[in-house]
């Protein structure tokens, strides 16, 4: 089932695409992962 997973992002209806692009639109498609490392072991 994970092979068919799709993410769909509908842009804000009043988003101005003529302005200089920033990373704001990109952040909806990014994932944050944390890896915990033990210290001193």
N, C-alpha and C. Protein backbone atom coordinates (compact mmCIF):
# COMPACT_ATOMS: atom_id res chain seq x y z
N UNK A 1 0.82 -1.20 0.00
CA UNK A 1 0.00 0.00 0.00
C UNK A 1 0.87 1.26 0.00
N UNK A 2 2.07 1.21 0.57
CA UNK A 2 2.93 2.40 0.62
C UNK A 2 3.43 2.78 -0.77
N UNK A 3 3.45 1.85 -1.70
CA UNK A 3 3.89 2.17 -3.05
C UNK A 3 2.91 3.08 -3.78
N UNK A 4 1.67 3.08 -3.34
CA UNK A 4 0.65 3.88 -4.02
C UNK A 4 0.32 5.17 -3.27
N UNK A 5 1.06 5.48 -2.22
CA UNK A 5 0.80 6.68 -1.43
C UNK A 5 1.18 7.92 -2.22
N UNK A 6 0.26 8.85 -2.31
CA UNK A 6 0.50 10.10 -3.03
C UNK A 6 0.24 11.27 -2.09
N UNK A 7 1.04 12.32 -2.21
CA UNK A 7 0.82 13.54 -1.45
C UNK A 7 0.39 14.62 -2.43
N UNK A 8 -0.73 15.21 -2.13
CA UNK A 8 -1.27 16.24 -3.01
C UNK A 8 -1.32 17.54 -2.23
N UNK A 9 -0.75 18.58 -2.80
CA UNK A 9 -0.77 19.90 -2.17
C UNK A 9 -1.50 20.85 -3.09
N UNK A 10 -2.59 21.39 -2.59
CA UNK A 10 -3.33 22.39 -3.35
C UNK A 10 -2.85 23.76 -2.89
N UNK A 11 -2.30 24.56 -3.78
CA UNK A 11 -1.79 25.87 -3.37
C UNK A 11 -2.92 26.77 -2.90
N UNK A 12 -2.54 27.73 -2.10
CA UNK A 12 -3.50 28.71 -1.62
C UNK A 12 -4.12 29.40 -2.84
N UNK A 13 -5.43 29.59 -2.87
CA UNK A 13 -6.06 30.15 -4.07
C UNK A 13 -5.59 31.57 -4.42
N UNK A 14 -5.04 32.29 -3.44
CA UNK A 14 -4.61 33.66 -3.71
C UNK A 14 -3.08 33.78 -3.70
N UNK A 15 -2.40 32.68 -3.95
CA UNK A 15 -0.94 32.70 -3.96
C UNK A 15 -0.45 33.39 -5.23
N UNK A 16 0.48 34.30 -5.08
CA UNK A 16 1.01 35.06 -6.21
C UNK A 16 2.24 34.35 -6.75
N UNK A 17 2.12 33.75 -7.93
CA UNK A 17 3.22 33.00 -8.52
C UNK A 17 4.17 33.90 -9.31
N UNK A 18 3.91 35.20 -9.34
CA UNK A 18 4.80 36.10 -10.06
C UNK A 18 5.89 36.67 -9.16
N UNK A 19 5.81 36.44 -7.84
CA UNK A 19 6.83 36.93 -6.93
C UNK A 19 8.04 36.00 -6.95
N UNK A 20 9.13 36.45 -6.39
CA UNK A 20 10.33 35.63 -6.30
C UNK A 20 10.05 34.41 -5.43
N UNK A 21 10.35 33.20 -5.92
CA UNK A 21 10.04 32.00 -5.14
C UNK A 21 10.90 31.89 -3.88
N UNK A 22 10.30 31.36 -2.84
CA UNK A 22 11.00 31.10 -1.58
C UNK A 22 10.83 29.63 -1.24
N UNK A 23 11.41 29.22 -0.13
CA UNK A 23 11.29 27.81 0.28
C UNK A 23 9.99 27.53 1.02
N UNK A 24 9.14 28.52 1.19
CA UNK A 24 7.89 28.33 1.93
C UNK A 24 7.02 27.27 1.27
N UNK A 25 6.90 27.31 -0.05
CA UNK A 25 6.08 26.31 -0.74
C UNK A 25 6.70 24.92 -0.64
N UNK A 26 8.00 24.85 -0.53
CA UNK A 26 8.70 23.58 -0.48
C UNK A 26 8.53 22.88 0.87
N UNK A 27 8.36 23.62 1.94
CA UNK A 27 8.32 23.03 3.27
C UNK A 27 7.13 22.09 3.48
N UNK A 28 6.06 22.23 2.72
CA UNK A 28 4.94 21.31 2.87
C UNK A 28 5.28 19.92 2.37
N UNK A 29 6.32 19.80 1.57
CA UNK A 29 6.71 18.51 1.00
C UNK A 29 7.93 17.89 1.69
N UNK A 30 8.43 18.53 2.73
CA UNK A 30 9.61 18.03 3.43
C UNK A 30 9.21 17.25 4.67
N UNK A 31 10.03 16.29 5.02
CA UNK A 31 9.83 15.52 6.24
C UNK A 31 11.00 15.80 7.18
N UNK A 32 10.71 15.84 8.45
CA UNK A 32 11.75 16.03 9.45
C UNK A 32 11.93 14.73 10.20
N UNK A 33 13.14 14.24 10.21
CA UNK A 33 13.44 13.00 10.93
C UNK A 33 14.54 13.28 11.94
N UNK A 34 14.41 12.70 13.10
CA UNK A 34 15.39 12.88 14.16
C UNK A 34 16.04 11.54 14.46
N UNK A 35 17.35 11.55 14.54
CA UNK A 35 18.09 10.35 14.92
C UNK A 35 18.77 10.63 16.25
N UNK A 36 18.49 9.80 17.23
CA UNK A 36 19.06 9.99 18.56
C UNK A 36 20.31 9.14 18.69
N UNK A 37 21.39 9.76 19.09
CA UNK A 37 22.65 9.06 19.33
C UNK A 37 22.99 9.17 20.81
N UNK A 38 23.35 8.06 21.39
CA UNK A 38 23.80 8.11 22.77
C UNK A 38 25.24 8.60 22.79
N UNK A 39 25.59 9.36 23.81
CA UNK A 39 26.95 9.88 23.90
C UNK A 39 27.71 9.13 24.98
N UNK A 40 28.97 8.87 24.71
CA UNK A 40 29.84 8.24 25.69
C UNK A 40 29.64 6.75 25.86
N UNK A 41 29.01 6.11 24.91
CA UNK A 41 28.83 4.66 25.06
C UNK A 41 29.41 3.92 23.88
